């Protein structure tokens, strides 16, 4: 009897997923609980200070044109994390162990020690840059107001039950993504849209920064997701 009560209490405890703003991730798209969609782009950086004056002016001009072409909001996310060098050091240690040339073995050991001390003393940080592209049915000006407003009345059920409606929204979102990719590429930036696996790993590492270093997520096909 006590075991059943304990099990029922454990089941009643809300999971962390219930407090997150998104309800599902599929087809390289985040489905928010309010029925809106999100796509996430990983973007490279530019060392603006190293460019000459003409190159800087060209980048600024391209950036202004990019902003003027937007008719929807964008979210810029910058993640700063302490550089996780342990796997690389372990690889160097293995190479050192397998090295048959004594001189190369000593040089590998010295290099491994140098890298470890450099990271420890300098607290080197890695940065990743993301653009979050939203899609809200109410923002689609090509459709009538009443058509767009009807989808918002009960968006969570609409997205969950009607795949065709989700695909229509995703099509509009993909159009935005292509436009943004073209604008950023024109500034000399490299852009990659995160797929479903990458999105899950991004949220996993964001909400579990310590655990994600030691416990890596399996592939989507190997995951068991609770409904």
C-alpha atoms as a PDB file:
ATOM      1  CA  UNK A   1       0.000   0.000   0.000  1.00  0.00           C
ATOM      2  CA  UNK A   2       2.798   2.388   0.919  1.00  0.00           C
ATOM      3  CA  UNK A   3       4.575   1.602  -2.341  1.00  0.00           C
ATOM      4  CA  UNK A   4       1.450   2.502  -4.315  1.00  0.00           C
ATOM      5  CA  UNK A   5       1.052   5.776  -2.435  1.00  0.00           C
ATOM      6  CA  UNK A   6       4.703   6.637  -2.977  1.00  0.00           C
ATOM      7  CA  UNK A   7       4.382   5.828  -6.671  1.00  0.00           C
ATOM      8  CA  UNK A   8       1.273   7.990  -7.024  1.00  0.00           C
ATOM      9  CA  UNK A   9       2.980  10.905  -5.246  1.00  0.00           C
ATOM     10  CA  UNK A  10       6.028  10.550  -7.463  1.00  0.00           C
ATOM     11  CA  UNK A  11       3.834  10.540 -10.541  1.00  0.00           C
ATOM     12  CA  UNK A  12       2.005  13.655  -9.340  1.00  0.00           C
ATOM     13  CA  UNK A  13       5.231  15.650  -9.057  1.00  0.00           C
ATOM     14  CA  UNK A  14       5.489  17.876 -12.163  1.00  0.00           C
ATOM     15  CA  UNK A  15       8.511  17.266 -14.360  1.00  0.00           C
ATOM     16  CA  UNK A  16      10.891  19.997 -15.485  1.00  0.00           C
ATOM     17  CA  UNK A  17       9.477  19.674 -19.003  1.00  0.00           C
ATOM     18  CA  UNK A  18       6.156  21.097 -17.813  1.00  0.00           C
ATOM     19  CA  UNK A  19       7.865  24.367 -16.907  1.00  0.00           C
ATOM     20  CA  UNK A  20       9.590  24.799 -20.274  1.00  0.00           C
ATOM     21  CA  UNK A  21       8.003  27.151 -22.842  1.00  0.00           C
ATOM     22  CA  UNK A  22       8.226  24.645 -25.711  1.00  0.00           C
ATOM     23  CA  UNK A  23       6.138  21.521 -26.104  1.00  0.00           C
ATOM     24  CA  UNK A  24       7.803  19.572 -28.904  1.00  0.00           C
ATOM     25  CA  UNK A  25      10.814  19.499 -31.214  1.00  0.00           C
ATOM     26  CA  UNK A  26      10.415  17.874 -34.621  1.00  0.00           C
ATOM     27  CA  UNK A  27      11.410  18.370 -38.242  1.00  0.00           C
ATOM     28  CA  UNK A  28      14.193  20.793 -37.211  1.00  0.00           C
ATOM     29  CA  UNK A  29      11.549  23.031 -35.604  1.00  0.00           C
ATOM     30  CA  UNK A  30      10.668  24.010 -32.030  1.00  0.00           C
ATOM     31  CA  UNK A  31       6.926  24.025 -31.344  1.00  0.00           C
ATOM     32  CA  UNK A  32       6.108  26.389 -28.506  1.00  0.00           C
ATOM     33  CA  UNK A  33       3.236  25.708 -26.107  1.00  0.00           C
ATOM     34  CA  UNK A  34       1.361  28.711 -27.491  1.00  0.00           C
ATOM     35  CA  UNK A  35       1.404  27.185 -30.982  1.00  0.00           C
ATOM     36  CA  UNK A  36       4.112  29.399 -32.463  1.00  0.00           C
ATOM     37  CA  UNK A  37       7.240  27.958 -34.088  1.00  0.00           C
ATOM     38  CA  UNK A  38      10.957  28.610 -33.788  1.00  0.00           C
ATOM     39  CA  UNK A  39      13.986  27.782 -35.929  1.00  0.00           C
ATOM     40  CA  UNK A  40      17.521  28.203 -34.597  1.00  0.00           C
ATOM     41  CA  UNK A  41      20.511  29.182 -36.725  1.00  0.00           C
ATOM     42  CA  UNK A  42      24.120  28.857 -35.610  1.00  0.00           C
ATOM     43  CA  UNK A  43      26.124  31.791 -36.974  1.00  0.00           C
ATOM     44  CA  UNK A  44      29.863  32.359 -37.237  1.00  0.00           C
ATOM     45  CA  UNK A  45      31.545  35.588 -36.146  1.00  0.00           C
ATOM     46  CA  UNK A  46      33.613  38.280 -37.894  1.00  0.00           C
ATOM     47  CA  UNK A  47      36.688  40.008 -36.508  1.00  0.00           C
ATOM     48  CA  UNK A  48      35.503  43.444 -37.573  1.00  0.00           C
ATOM     49  CA  UNK A  49      38.606  45.241 -36.255  1.00  0.00           C
ATOM     50  CA  UNK A  50      40.909  43.324 -38.625  1.00  0.00           C
ATOM     51  CA  UNK A  51      38.992  44.430 -41.721  1.00  0.00           C
ATOM     52  CA  UNK A  52      40.126  47.426 -43.761  1.00  0.00           C
ATOM     53  CA  UNK A  53      37.886  50.483 -44.088  1.00  0.00           C
ATOM     54  CA  UNK A  54      36.275  49.399 -47.364  1.00  0.00           C
ATOM     55  CA  UNK A  55      35.477  45.946 -45.981  1.00  0.00           C
ATOM     56  CA  UNK A  56      34.032  47.451 -42.792  1.00  0.00           C
ATOM     57  CA  UNK A  57      31.815  49.810 -44.795  1.00  0.00           C
ATOM     58  CA  UNK A  58      30.614  46.911 -46.957  1.00  0.00           C
ATOM     59  CA  UNK A  59      29.739  44.848 -43.864  1.00  0.00           C
ATOM     60  CA  UNK A  60      27.862  47.746 -42.248  1.00  0.00           C
ATOM     61  CA  UNK A  61      25.966  48.429 -45.474  1.00  0.00           C
ATOM     62  CA  UNK A  62      25.008  44.751 -45.808  1.00  0.00           C
ATOM     63  CA  UNK A  63      23.894  44.677 -42.170  1.00  0.00           C
ATOM     64  CA  UNK A  64      21.688  47.758 -42.630  1.00  0.00           C
ATOM     65  CA  UNK A  65      20.096  46.197 -45.720  1.00  0.00           C
ATOM     66  CA  UNK A  66      19.554  42.969 -43.796  1.00  0.00           C
ATOM     67  CA  UNK A  67      17.756  44.776 -40.942  1.00  0.00           C
ATOM     68  CA  UNK A  68      15.615  46.863 -43.322  1.00  0.00           C
ATOM     69  CA  UNK A  69      14.439  43.715 -45.102  1.00  0.00           C
ATOM     70  CA  UNK A  70      13.071  42.159 -41.897  1.00  0.00           C
ATOM     71  CA  UNK A  71       9.354  42.386 -41.117  1.00  0.00           C
ATOM     72  CA  UNK A  72       9.468  40.159 -38.022  1.00  0.00           C
ATOM     73  CA  UNK A  73      11.473  40.021 -34.770  1.00  0.00           C
ATOM     74  CA  UNK A  74      14.704  38.075 -34.268  1.00  0.00           C
ATOM     75  CA  UNK A  75      16.359  36.882 -31.070  1.00  0.00           C
ATOM     76  CA  UNK A  76      20.155  36.859 -30.777  1.00  0.00           C
ATOM     77  CA  UNK A  77      21.573  34.395 -28.249  1.00  0.00           C
ATOM     78  CA  UNK A  78      25.245  34.252 -27.246  1.00  0.00           C
ATOM     79  CA  UNK A  79      26.408  31.294 -25.165  1.00  0.00           C
ATOM     80  CA  UNK A  80      29.677  31.602 -23.262  1.00  0.00           C
ATOM     81  CA  UNK A  81      31.071  28.432 -21.763  1.00  0.00           C
ATOM     82  CA  UNK A  82      34.369  27.473 -20.203  1.00  0.00           C
ATOM     83  CA  UNK A  83      36.329  25.567 -22.818  1.00  0.00           C
ATOM     84  CA  UNK A  84      35.958  21.836 -22.207  1.00  0.00           C
ATOM     85  CA  UNK A  85      39.378  20.471 -23.165  1.00  0.00           C
ATOM     86  CA  UNK A  86      39.340  17.117 -21.368  1.00  0.00           C
ATOM     87  CA  UNK A  87      38.548  14.916 -24.442  1.00  0.00           C
ATOM     88  CA  UNK A  88      41.345  16.587 -26.399  1.00  0.00           C
ATOM     89  CA  UNK A  89      43.837  16.060 -23.559  1.00  0.00           C
ATOM     90  CA  UNK A  90      42.802  12.413 -23.279  1.00  0.00           C
ATOM     91  CA  UNK A  91      43.390  11.990 -27.004  1.00  0.00           C
ATOM     92  CA  UNK A  92      46.865  13.518 -26.667  1.00  0.00           C
ATOM     93  CA  UNK A  93      47.642  11.224 -23.725  1.00  0.00           C
ATOM     94  CA  UNK A  94      46.658   8.209 -25.833  1.00  0.00           C
ATOM     95  CA  UNK A  95      48.841   9.394 -28.719  1.00  0.00           C
ATOM     96  CA  UNK A  96      51.722   9.916 -26.305  1.00  0.00           C
ATOM     97  CA  UNK A  97      51.310   6.389 -24.997  1.00  0.00           C
ATOM     98  CA  UNK A  98      51.264   4.862 -28.510  1.00  0.00           C
ATOM     99  CA  UNK A  99      54.141   6.967 -29.844  1.00  0.00           C
ATOM    100  CA  UNK A 100      57.192   4.812 -30.682  1.00  0.00           C
ATOM    101  CA  UNK A 101      59.521   7.732 -31.420  1.00  0.00           C
ATOM    102  CA  UNK A 102      60.978   8.912 -28.108  1.00  0.00           C
ATOM    103  CA  UNK A 103      61.483  12.509 -29.277  1.00  0.00           C
ATOM    104  CA  UNK A 104      57.905  12.802 -30.556  1.00  0.00           C
ATOM    105  CA  UNK A 105      56.622  11.205 -27.359  1.00  0.00           C
ATOM    106  CA  UNK A 106      58.390  13.831 -25.224  1.00  0.00           C
ATOM    107  CA  UNK A 107      57.157  16.656 -27.457  1.00  0.00           C
ATOM    108  CA  UNK A 108      53.579  15.357 -27.243  1.00  0.00           C
ATOM    109  CA  UNK A 109      53.830  15.202 -23.441  1.00  0.00           C
ATOM    110  CA  UNK A 110      55.180  18.764 -23.285  1.00  0.00           C
ATOM    111  CA  UNK A 111      52.458  20.030 -25.588  1.00  0.00           C
ATOM    112  CA  UNK A 112      49.735  18.289 -23.570  1.00  0.00           C
ATOM    113  CA  UNK A 113      51.080  19.831 -20.365  1.00  0.00           C
ATOM    114  CA  UNK A 114      51.256  23.275 -21.997  1.00  0.00           C
ATOM    115  CA  UNK A 115      47.643  23.147 -23.219  1.00  0.00           C
ATOM    116  CA  UNK A 116      46.363  21.954 -19.835  1.00  0.00           C
ATOM    117  CA  UNK A 117      48.169  24.744 -17.983  1.00  0.00           C
ATOM    118  CA  UNK A 118      47.079  27.381 -20.506  1.00  0.00           C
ATOM    119  CA  UNK A 119      43.396  26.495 -20.141  1.00  0.00           C
ATOM    120  CA  UNK A 120      43.635  26.254 -16.362  1.00  0.00           C
ATOM    121  CA  UNK A 121      45.398  29.611 -15.951  1.00  0.00           C
ATOM    122  CA  UNK A 122      43.515  31.583 -18.551  1.00  0.00           C
ATOM    123  CA  UNK A 123      40.002  30.192 -18.046  1.00  0.00           C
ATOM    124  CA  UNK A 124      39.521  30.218 -21.805  1.00  0.00           C
ATOM    125  CA  UNK A 125      35.900  30.620 -22.846  1.00  0.00           C
ATOM    126  CA  UNK A 126      34.200  29.374 -25.982  1.00  0.00           C
ATOM    127  CA  UNK A 127      31.391  31.403 -27.536  1.00  0.00           C
ATOM    128  CA  UNK A 128      28.560  30.284 -29.775  1.00  0.00           C
ATOM    129  CA  UNK A 129      26.214  32.627 -31.599  1.00  0.00           C
ATOM    130  CA  UNK A 130      22.599  31.738 -32.414  1.00  0.00           C
ATOM    131  CA  UNK A 131      19.713  33.441 -34.163  1.00  0.00           C
ATOM    132  CA  UNK A 132      16.215  32.370 -33.128  1.00  0.00           C
ATOM    133  CA  UNK A 133      13.710  32.846 -35.947  1.00  0.00           C
ATOM    134  CA  UNK A 134      10.069  32.934 -34.795  1.00  0.00           C
ATOM    135  CA  UNK A 135       6.830  32.313 -36.622  1.00  0.00           C
ATOM    136  CA  UNK A 136       3.480  33.420 -35.241  1.00  0.00           C
ATOM    137  CA  UNK A 137       0.272  32.799 -37.273  1.00  0.00           C
ATOM    138  CA  UNK A 138      -0.839  36.343 -36.425  1.00  0.00           C
ATOM    139  CA  UNK A 139       2.276  37.760 -38.081  1.00  0.00           C
ATOM    140  CA  UNK A 140       1.519  36.198 -41.471  1.00  0.00           C
ATOM    141  CA  UNK A 141       0.165  39.240 -43.306  1.00  0.00           C
ATOM    142  CA  UNK A 142      -0.586  37.250 -46.459  1.00  0.00           C
ATOM    143  CA  UNK A 143      -3.622  35.660 -44.786  1.00  0.00           C
ATOM    144  CA  UNK A 144      -6.767  37.308 -43.476  1.00  0.00           C
ATOM    145  CA  UNK A 145      -6.923  38.432 -39.841  1.00  0.00           C
ATOM    146  CA  UNK A 146      -9.798  36.098 -38.946  1.00  0.00           C
ATOM    147  CA  UNK A 147      -8.010  33.119 -40.478  1.00  0.00           C
ATOM    148  CA  UNK A 148      -4.877  33.876 -38.469  1.00  0.00           C
ATOM    149  CA  UNK A 149      -6.769  34.664 -35.261  1.00  0.00           C
ATOM    150  CA  UNK A 150      -8.741  31.413 -35.455  1.00  0.00           C
ATOM    151  CA  UNK A 151      -5.536  29.386 -35.215  1.00  0.00           C
ATOM    152  CA  UNK A 152      -4.485  31.204 -32.060  1.00  0.00           C
ATOM    153  CA  UNK A 153      -7.658  30.440 -30.116  1.00  0.00           C
ATOM    154  CA  UNK A 154      -6.476  26.916 -29.386  1.00  0.00           C
ATOM    155  CA  UNK A 155      -3.003  26.643 -30.957  1.00  0.00           C
ATOM    156  CA  UNK A 156      -1.568  23.805 -28.860  1.00  0.00           C
ATOM    157  CA  UNK A 157      -4.312  21.375 -29.888  1.00  0.00           C
ATOM    158  CA  UNK A 158      -4.164  22.607 -33.482  1.00  0.00           C
ATOM    159  CA  UNK A 159      -0.428  21.976 -33.806  1.00  0.00           C
ATOM    160  CA  UNK A 160      -0.545  18.638 -32.017  1.00  0.00           C
ATOM    161  CA  UNK A 161      -3.464  17.158 -33.926  1.00  0.00           C
ATOM    162  CA  UNK A 162      -3.178  18.604 -37.411  1.00  0.00           C
ATOM    163  CA  UNK A 163       0.069  17.800 -39.184  1.00  0.00           C
ATOM    164  CA  UNK A 164      -0.972  19.640 -42.343  1.00  0.00           C
ATOM    165  CA  UNK A 165      -1.427  22.891 -40.432  1.00  0.00           C
ATOM    166  CA  UNK A 166       1.955  22.453 -38.792  1.00  0.00           C
ATOM    167  CA  UNK A 167       3.567  21.912 -42.201  1.00  0.00           C
ATOM    168  CA  UNK A 168       1.948  25.107 -43.542  1.00  0.00           C
ATOM    169  CA  UNK A 169       3.355  27.077 -40.622  1.00  0.00           C
ATOM    170  CA  UNK A 170       6.726  25.408 -41.045  1.00  0.00           C
ATOM    171  CA  UNK A 171       6.749  26.353 -44.725  1.00  0.00           C
ATOM    172  CA  UNK A 172       6.301  30.020 -43.813  1.00  0.00           C
ATOM    173  CA  UNK A 173       9.016  29.702 -41.166  1.00  0.00           C
ATOM    174  CA  UNK A 174      11.389  28.089 -43.676  1.00  0.00           C
ATOM    175  CA  UNK A 175      10.843  31.028 -46.026  1.00  0.00           C
ATOM    176  CA  UNK A 176      12.006  33.369 -43.280  1.00  0.00           C
ATOM    177  CA  UNK A 177      15.004  31.188 -42.554  1.00  0.00           C
ATOM    178  CA  UNK A 178      16.092  31.214 -46.207  1.00  0.00           C
ATOM    179  CA  UNK A 179      15.785  35.009 -46.313  1.00  0.00           C
ATOM    180  CA  UNK A 180      17.865  35.417 -43.160  1.00  0.00           C
ATOM    181  CA  UNK A 181      20.499  32.946 -44.357  1.00  0.00           C
ATOM    182  CA  UNK A 182      20.891  34.925 -47.597  1.00  0.00           C
ATOM    183  CA  UNK A 183      21.273  38.203 -45.708  1.00  0.00           C
ATOM    184  CA  UNK A 184      23.850  36.851 -43.271  1.00  0.00           C
ATOM    185  CA  UNK A 185      25.813  35.102 -46.007  1.00  0.00           C
ATOM    186  CA  UNK A 186      26.026  38.439 -47.802  1.00  0.00           C
ATOM    187  CA  UNK A 187      27.938  39.787 -44.791  1.00  0.00           C
ATOM    188  CA  UNK A 188      30.500  36.988 -45.019  1.00  0.00           C
ATOM    189  CA  UNK A 189      28.994  34.931 -42.185  1.00  0.00           C
ATOM    190  CA  UNK A 190      28.551  31.178 -42.181  1.00  0.00           C
ATOM    191  CA  UNK A 191      25.073  30.001 -41.213  1.00  0.00           C
ATOM    192  CA  UNK A 192      23.832  26.526 -40.291  1.00  0.00           C
ATOM    193  CA  UNK A 193      20.290  25.664 -39.240  1.00  0.00           C
ATOM    194  CA  UNK A 194      20.192  23.296 -36.260  1.00  0.00           C
ATOM    195  CA  UNK A 195      18.439  20.013 -36.980  1.00  0.00           C
ATOM    196  CA  UNK A 196      16.259  18.135 -34.478  1.00  0.00           C
ATOM    197  CA  UNK A 197      19.170  16.283 -32.859  1.00  0.00           C
ATOM    198  CA  UNK A 198      21.200  19.501 -32.527  1.00  0.00           C
ATOM    199  CA  UNK A 199      18.246  21.384 -31.018  1.00  0.00           C
ATOM    200  CA  UNK A 200      17.733  18.704 -28.377  1.00  0.00           C
ATOM    201  CA  UNK A 201      21.444  18.699 -27.549  1.00  0.00           C
ATOM    202  CA  UNK A 202      21.434  22.515 -27.332  1.00  0.00           C
ATOM    203  CA  UNK A 203      18.614  22.557 -24.783  1.00  0.00           C
ATOM    204  CA  UNK A 204      20.122  19.616 -22.913  1.00  0.00           C
ATOM    205  CA  UNK A 205      23.485  21.364 -22.532  1.00  0.00           C
ATOM    206  CA  UNK A 206      21.776  24.685 -21.699  1.00  0.00           C
ATOM    207  CA  UNK A 207      19.645  23.317 -18.869  1.00  0.00           C
ATOM    208  CA  UNK A 208      22.240  20.749 -17.724  1.00  0.00           C
ATOM    209  CA  UNK A 209      25.628  22.435 -18.253  1.00  0.00           C
ATOM    210  CA  UNK A 210      27.540  20.211 -15.821  1.00  0.00           C
ATOM    211  CA  UNK A 211      25.980  16.851 -16.666  1.00  0.00           C
ATOM    212  CA  UNK A 212      26.211  17.400 -20.431  1.00  0.00           C
ATOM    213  CA  UNK A 213      30.022  17.256 -20.287  1.00  0.00           C
ATOM    214  CA  UNK A 214      30.081  13.708 -18.903  1.00  0.00           C
ATOM    215  CA  UNK A 215      26.748  12.287 -20.106  1.00  0.00           C
ATOM    216  CA  UNK A 216      26.137  12.755 -23.804  1.00  0.00           C
ATOM    217  CA  UNK A 217      22.717  12.330 -25.353  1.00  0.00           C
ATOM    218  CA  UNK A 218      22.055   9.320 -27.605  1.00  0.00           C
ATOM    219  CA  UNK A 219      20.670   9.645 -31.109  1.00  0.00           C
ATOM    220  CA  UNK A 220      16.974  10.487 -31.464  1.00  0.00           C
ATOM    221  CA  UNK A 221      16.144   6.972 -32.636  1.00  0.00           C
ATOM    222  CA  UNK A 222      17.496   5.585 -29.360  1.00  0.00           C
ATOM    223  CA  UNK A 223      15.614   7.971 -27.079  1.00  0.00           C
ATOM    224  CA  UNK A 224      12.501   7.055 -25.137  1.00  0.00           C
ATOM    225  CA  UNK A 225      10.330  10.141 -24.799  1.00  0.00           C
ATOM    226  CA  UNK A 226       7.511  10.307 -22.249  1.00  0.00           C
ATOM    227  CA  UNK A 227       4.247  11.694 -23.586  1.00  0.00           C
END
